[in-house]
Protein backbone atom coordinates (compact mmCIF):
# COMPACT_ATOMS: atom_id res chain seq x y z
CA UNK A 1 -0.06 -0.49 -0.13
CA UNK A 2 1.60 3.51 -0.86
CA UNK A 3 2.93 5.37 1.82
CA UNK A 4 -0.03 7.55 3.63
CA UNK A 5 -3.03 5.30 2.54
CA UNK A 6 -5.09 4.31 5.36
CA UNK A 7 -3.82 0.70 6.92
CA UNK A 8 -5.64 -2.38 5.76
CA UNK A 9 -8.59 -3.60 8.58
CA UNK A 10 -6.00 -6.30 10.19
CA UNK A 11 -3.55 -3.68 11.18
CA UNK A 12 -6.45 -1.89 13.25
CA UNK A 13 -7.75 -4.63 15.32
CA UNK A 14 -6.02 -4.43 18.63
CA UNK A 15 -6.46 -2.07 21.38
CA UNK A 16 -2.96 -2.85 22.73
CA UNK A 17 -1.53 -1.29 19.78
CA UNK A 18 -3.72 1.63 18.83
CA UNK A 19 -5.07 2.21 15.46
CA UNK A 20 -2.25 2.95 13.44
CA UNK A 21 -3.94 5.12 10.85
CA UNK A 22 -5.01 7.10 13.57
CA UNK A 23 -8.57 8.21 14.17
CA UNK A 24 -10.63 7.96 10.71
CA UNK A 25 -11.56 12.11 9.85
CA UNK A 26 -15.22 11.99 9.97
CA UNK A 27 -17.15 15.06 8.23
CA UNK A 28 -20.71 16.16 9.49
CA UNK A 29 -22.27 17.15 12.46
CA UNK A 30 -23.75 13.84 13.18
CA UNK A 31 -25.57 10.46 13.12
CA UNK A 32 -28.61 8.98 14.71
CA UNK A 33 -28.34 5.50 16.04
CA UNK A 34 -31.31 3.56 16.19
CA UNK A 35 -32.31 0.06 18.28
CA UNK A 36 -33.15 -2.37 16.30
CA UNK A 37 -34.42 -5.95 18.02
CA UNK A 38 -33.11 -9.36 16.01
CA UNK A 39 -35.74 -11.79 15.05
CA UNK A 40 -36.82 -14.75 17.95
CA UNK A 41 -34.96 -13.14 20.45
CA UNK A 42 -35.78 -10.40 23.40
CA UNK A 43 -33.83 -7.12 23.79
CA UNK A 44 -32.03 -5.08 21.10
CA UNK A 45 -29.26 -3.73 19.32
CA UNK A 46 -27.50 -0.52 18.57
CA UNK A 47 -27.56 0.14 14.91
CA UNK A 48 -26.67 2.42 11.84
CA UNK A 49 -27.73 2.19 8.64
CA UNK A 50 -24.88 2.96 6.20
CA UNK A 51 -25.18 4.12 2.38
CA UNK A 52 -22.04 2.78 0.32
CA UNK A 53 -20.06 4.77 -2.29
CA UNK A 54 -23.10 3.08 -4.62
CA UNK A 55 -25.52 3.92 -2.87
CA UNK A 56 -26.26 0.62 -1.09
CA UNK A 57 -27.57 0.50 2.64
CA UNK A 58 -26.12 -1.96 4.86
CA UNK A 59 -27.02 -2.21 8.44
CA UNK A 60 -24.09 -2.63 11.10
CA UNK A 61 -23.86 -3.24 14.75
CA UNK A 62 -22.45 0.10 16.50
CA UNK A 63 -19.89 -1.86 18.93
CA UNK A 64 -17.68 -0.17 21.54
CA UNK A 65 -16.55 -3.26 22.79
CA UNK A 66 -14.85 -4.64 19.54
CA UNK A 67 -11.95 -2.81 18.50
CA UNK A 68 -12.40 -3.59 14.35
CA UNK A 69 -14.53 -2.73 11.60
CA UNK A 70 -16.69 -6.13 9.83
CA UNK A 71 -18.95 -6.36 7.04
CA UNK A 72 -20.53 -9.38 5.40
CA UNK A 73 -19.39 -10.76 1.96
CA UNK A 74 -23.01 -10.58 1.19
CA UNK A 75 -23.59 -7.17 2.51
CA UNK A 76 -24.15 -4.44 -0.10
CA UNK A 77 -20.88 -2.28 1.06
CA UNK A 78 -18.79 -5.26 0.48
CA UNK A 79 -19.32 -4.76 -3.22
CA UNK A 80 -17.43 -1.36 -3.29
CA UNK A 81 -14.47 -2.38 -1.85
CA UNK A 82 -11.01 -2.63 -2.31
CA UNK A 83 -10.38 -6.14 -1.58
CA UNK A 84 -7.17 -8.15 -0.72
CA UNK A 85 -6.13 -11.19 -2.72
CA UNK A 86 -5.05 -12.67 -0.06
CA UNK A 87 -7.45 -14.63 2.50
CA UNK A 88 -6.55 -14.63 5.85
CA UNK A 89 -7.94 -15.56 9.65
CA UNK A 90 -8.29 -12.22 11.22
CA UNK A 91 -7.55 -12.69 15.58
CA UNK A 92 -9.93 -10.25 16.97
CA UNK A 93 -10.87 -8.65 20.43
CA UNK A 94 -7.09 -9.51 21.38
CA UNK A 95 -6.89 -12.61 20.07
CA UNK A 96 -10.43 -13.82 21.41
CA UNK A 97 -12.13 -14.51 18.28
CA UNK A 98 -11.03 -15.49 15.04
CA UNK A 99 -12.62 -14.67 11.40
CA UNK A 100 -12.04 -16.14 8.10
CA UNK A 101 -11.81 -13.52 5.24
CA UNK A 102 -10.18 -10.91 3.68
CA UNK A 103 -8.80 -6.88 4.29
CA UNK A 104 -10.52 -4.71 2.15
CA UNK A 105 -10.87 -0.54 2.18
CA UNK A 106 -14.68 0.66 1.65
CA UNK A 107 -13.76 4.39 -0.56
CA UNK A 108 -16.83 5.99 1.31
CA UNK A 109 -19.29 5.35 3.83
CA UNK A 110 -21.80 8.08 4.81
CA UNK A 111 -23.92 6.93 7.84
CA UNK A 112 -26.39 9.81 7.72
CA UNK A 113 -25.12 12.88 8.74
CA UNK A 114 -21.12 11.77 9.29
CA UNK A 115 -19.40 10.21 6.29
CA UNK A 116 -15.45 9.76 6.00
CA UNK A 117 -13.25 7.90 3.17
CA UNK A 118 -11.02 4.87 3.19
CA UNK A 119 -12.46 2.57 5.99
CA UNK A 120 -10.28 0.36 6.39
CA UNK A 121 -12.73 -3.06 7.33
CA UNK A 122 -12.22 -7.05 7.30
CA UNK A 123 -14.97 -8.74 5.13
CA UNK A 124 -15.85 -11.61 6.89
CA UNK A 125 -17.21 -15.31 4.84
CA UNK A 126 -20.33 -15.28 6.79
CA UNK A 127 -23.92 -13.46 6.64
CA UNK A 128 -24.81 -10.61 8.73
CA UNK A 129 -27.87 -11.35 11.66
CA UNK A 130 -28.33 -9.55 14.30
CA UNK A 131 -28.39 -12.13 16.59
CA UNK A 132 -24.73 -12.91 15.24
CA UNK A 133 -23.64 -9.80 13.35
CA UNK A 134 -21.40 -10.06 10.89
CA UNK A 135 -21.45 -6.14 10.31
CA UNK A 136 -19.65 -4.53 12.62
CA UNK A 137 -18.73 -0.83 13.43
CA UNK A 138 -15.93 -1.26 15.96
CA UNK A 139 -13.50 1.13 17.96
CA UNK A 140 -11.25 1.56 14.50
CA UNK A 141 -13.93 3.56 13.22
CA UNK A 142 -15.03 5.24 16.87
CA UNK A 143 -11.63 6.02 18.16
CA UNK A 144 -12.28 9.91 16.42
CA UNK A 145 -16.25 10.07 17.47
CA UNK A 146 -17.85 10.82 20.59
CA UNK A 147 -21.38 8.94 21.52
CA UNK A 148 -24.23 10.39 23.70
CA UNK A 149 -27.40 8.64 25.20
CA UNK A 150 -30.20 10.46 26.12
CA UNK A 151 -32.13 8.32 29.01
CA UNK A 152 -35.25 10.05 29.10
CA UNK A 153 -36.19 9.40 24.97
CA UNK A 154 -34.03 6.46 24.97
CA UNK A 155 -32.24 8.26 21.99
CA UNK A 156 -28.27 7.57 20.68
CA UNK A 157 -25.96 9.94 18.61
CA UNK A 158 -22.69 9.79 17.47
CA UNK A 159 -20.82 12.93 16.30
CA UNK A 160 -17.13 13.94 15.80
CA UNK A 161 -15.09 14.45 18.87
CA UNK A 162 -15.06 17.65 20.48
CA UNK A 163 -18.44 18.62 19.30
CA UNK A 164 -20.85 16.88 21.95
CA UNK A 165 -22.33 19.41 24.74
CA UNK A 166 -20.38 17.75 28.08
CA UNK A 167 -23.23 16.74 30.47
CA UNK A 168 -21.70 18.12 33.49
CA UNK A 169 -23.02 16.05 36.30
CA UNK A 170 -20.38 13.54 37.31
CA UNK A 171 -17.67 13.14 34.76
CA UNK A 172 -14.66 10.46 34.76
CA UNK A 173 -12.05 9.19 32.13
CA UNK A 174 -11.94 5.75 30.04
CA UNK A 175 -8.03 4.59 30.45
CA UNK A 176 -7.06 5.78 27.14
CA UNK A 177 -8.35 7.27 23.78
CA UNK A 178 -9.67 5.49 21.69
CA UNK A 179 -9.99 2.36 24.73
CA UNK A 180 -13.36 2.33 26.49
CA UNK A 181 -12.06 0.78 29.75
CA UNK A 182 -12.69 2.12 33.01
CA UNK A 183 -12.35 1.26 36.47
CA UNK A 184 -14.71 -0.12 38.54
CA UNK A 185 -15.75 -1.40 42.07
CA UNK A 186 -17.47 -4.37 43.02
CA UNK A 187 -19.48 -5.18 46.21
CA UNK A 188 -16.44 -5.52 48.02
CA UNK A 189 -15.01 -2.43 47.16
CA UNK A 190 -12.29 -3.65 45.13
CA UNK A 191 -11.21 -2.51 42.45
CA UNK A 192 -12.02 -4.17 38.79
CA UNK A 193 -11.53 -3.07 34.94
CA UNK A 194 -15.17 -3.15 32.66
CA UNK A 195 -15.30 -2.62 28.89
CA UNK A 196 -18.15 -0.28 28.28
CA UNK A 197 -19.82 -2.86 25.49
CA UNK A 198 -22.57 -1.54 23.32
CA UNK A 199 -22.51 -4.98 21.62
CA UNK A 200 -24.30 -6.28 24.36
CA UNK A 201 -27.63 -6.07 25.68
CA UNK A 202 -27.00 -7.36 28.71
CA UNK A 203 -23.75 -7.18 31.30
CA UNK A 204 -21.90 -9.43 31.75
CA UNK A 205 -18.89 -11.02 33.86
CA UNK A 206 -16.13 -13.21 33.76
CA UNK A 207 -16.58 -16.90 33.57
CA UNK A 208 -15.53 -18.00 37.03
CA UNK A 209 -16.14 -14.69 38.47
CA UNK A 210 -18.82 -13.84 41.08
CA UNK A 211 -21.92 -12.20 39.62
CA UNK A 212 -22.85 -9.04 41.22
CA UNK A 213 -23.41 -5.17 41.40
CA UNK A 214 -20.27 -3.31 40.40
CA UNK A 215 -20.14 0.42 40.45
CA UNK A 216 -18.74 2.98 38.42
CA UNK A 217 -17.93 6.11 40.32
CA UNK A 218 -16.69 9.82 39.82
CA UNK A 219 -13.33 10.53 41.65
CA UNK A 220 -14.89 11.88 44.63
CA UNK A 221 -16.42 8.75 45.01
CA UNK A 222 -19.95 9.31 43.73
CA UNK A 223 -21.96 6.42 41.97
CA UNK A 224 -22.35 7.51 38.06
CA UNK A 225 -23.76 4.21 37.03
CA UNK A 226 -24.25 0.65 38.35
CA UNK A 227 -23.57 -2.57 36.67
CA UNK A 228 -25.82 -5.90 37.44
CA UNK A 229 -23.52 -8.52 35.87
CA UNK A 230 -25.35 -11.83 36.64
CA UNK A 231 -24.38 -13.48 32.82
CA UNK A 232 -20.87 -14.97 32.14
CA UNK A 233 -19.58 -13.74 29.11
CA UNK A 234 -17.93 -16.11 26.47
CA UNK A 235 -14.56 -14.72 26.77
CA UNK A 236 -11.75 -15.19 28.98
CA UNK A 237 -8.53 -13.41 30.28
CA UNK A 238 -9.43 -10.56 27.65
CA UNK A 239 -6.72 -7.56 28.21
CA UNK A 240 -7.65 -4.97 25.83
CA UNK A 241 -4.49 -2.45 26.70
CA UNK A 242 -3.20 -4.53 28.88
CA UNK A 243 -6.01 -3.98 31.46
CA UNK A 244 -7.96 -7.20 32.68
CA UNK A 245 -11.40 -7.15 32.15
CA UNK A 246 -13.69 -8.88 34.35
CA UNK A 247 -17.53 -6.72 33.57
CA UNK A 248 -18.71 -6.07 30.18
CA UNK A 249 -21.12 -3.08 30.60
CA UNK A 250 -24.04 -3.75 28.49
CA UNK A 251 -27.29 -2.06 26.99
CA UNK A 252 -28.96 -2.69 30.31
CA UNK A 253 -26.68 -0.61 32.63
CA UNK A 254 -25.73 1.67 29.74
CA UNK A 255 -29.14 2.77 29.22
CA UNK A 256 -30.27 4.01 32.68
CA UNK A 257 -28.29 7.19 32.36
CA UNK A 258 -27.71 10.02 30.23
CA UNK A 259 -24.18 11.07 29.00
CA UNK A 260 -21.52 11.31 26.66
CA UNK A 261 -18.72 9.12 26.01
CA UNK A 262 -15.60 10.89 23.88
CA UNK A 263 -13.76 8.59 22.67
CA UNK A 264 -10.51 10.87 21.87
CA UNK A 265 -10.64 13.23 24.39
CA UNK A 266 -11.58 10.50 27.08
CA UNK A 267 -14.09 12.36 28.82
CA UNK A 268 -17.28 10.08 30.09
CA UNK A 269 -19.80 12.96 31.31
CA UNK A 270 -22.89 12.18 33.19
CA UNK A 271 -25.85 14.47 33.30
CA UNK A 272 -27.65 14.51 37.21
């Protein structure tokens, strides 16, 4: 690939190394993220319907718990991609998941108010379904954006970093830019790490750990969010950015408060 070009997707799939090409330069004021329920399953997912260079529309899961961006080989967006000749097995989410497919680059993508060009994405060889998503908008695309939730209307929005108004009641920092990991307190007051995971409907706890209530607090110790993690996560030993994750903070907890996370500036701010 020519010097200065955006990286292939496989080089943008590790929280440990950051995102090689830096944050994608999104244009626009913001895009609405919607809840959509999979068929024959309770709960819902956060999605955007993205328009590609040919005008086709592809549903993407908005997943802060995944470092990579993926698209199914049968999705409309995949037909516009510049695709590598080499078929590989990609290890993602710090090696906890593997996918067979090809590195690729999407020329443009419009989320309906946010657009950018030269997006690294890994084309996976399976169909997309919200019960088992193959079209995933992960942190390699969101590292230069902010995600906001309004609990009163249960509305969600993606905006460029620095453009979202801070809610101002309580604040804390995520562990690093583009790394949606935070410190939590368990029921004994011990500190553990939690991953902000918009891709899971319910909060999860690492298998082998006791389920329970976990608290996200500000620097003064005031509780900003309570996470009731009862179900076992399908991953073990996940260490994004070197932080051993014990809790996955799902939509059930995230939906209870109004907040804004700016992934580039690291700030997570809450409304009263």
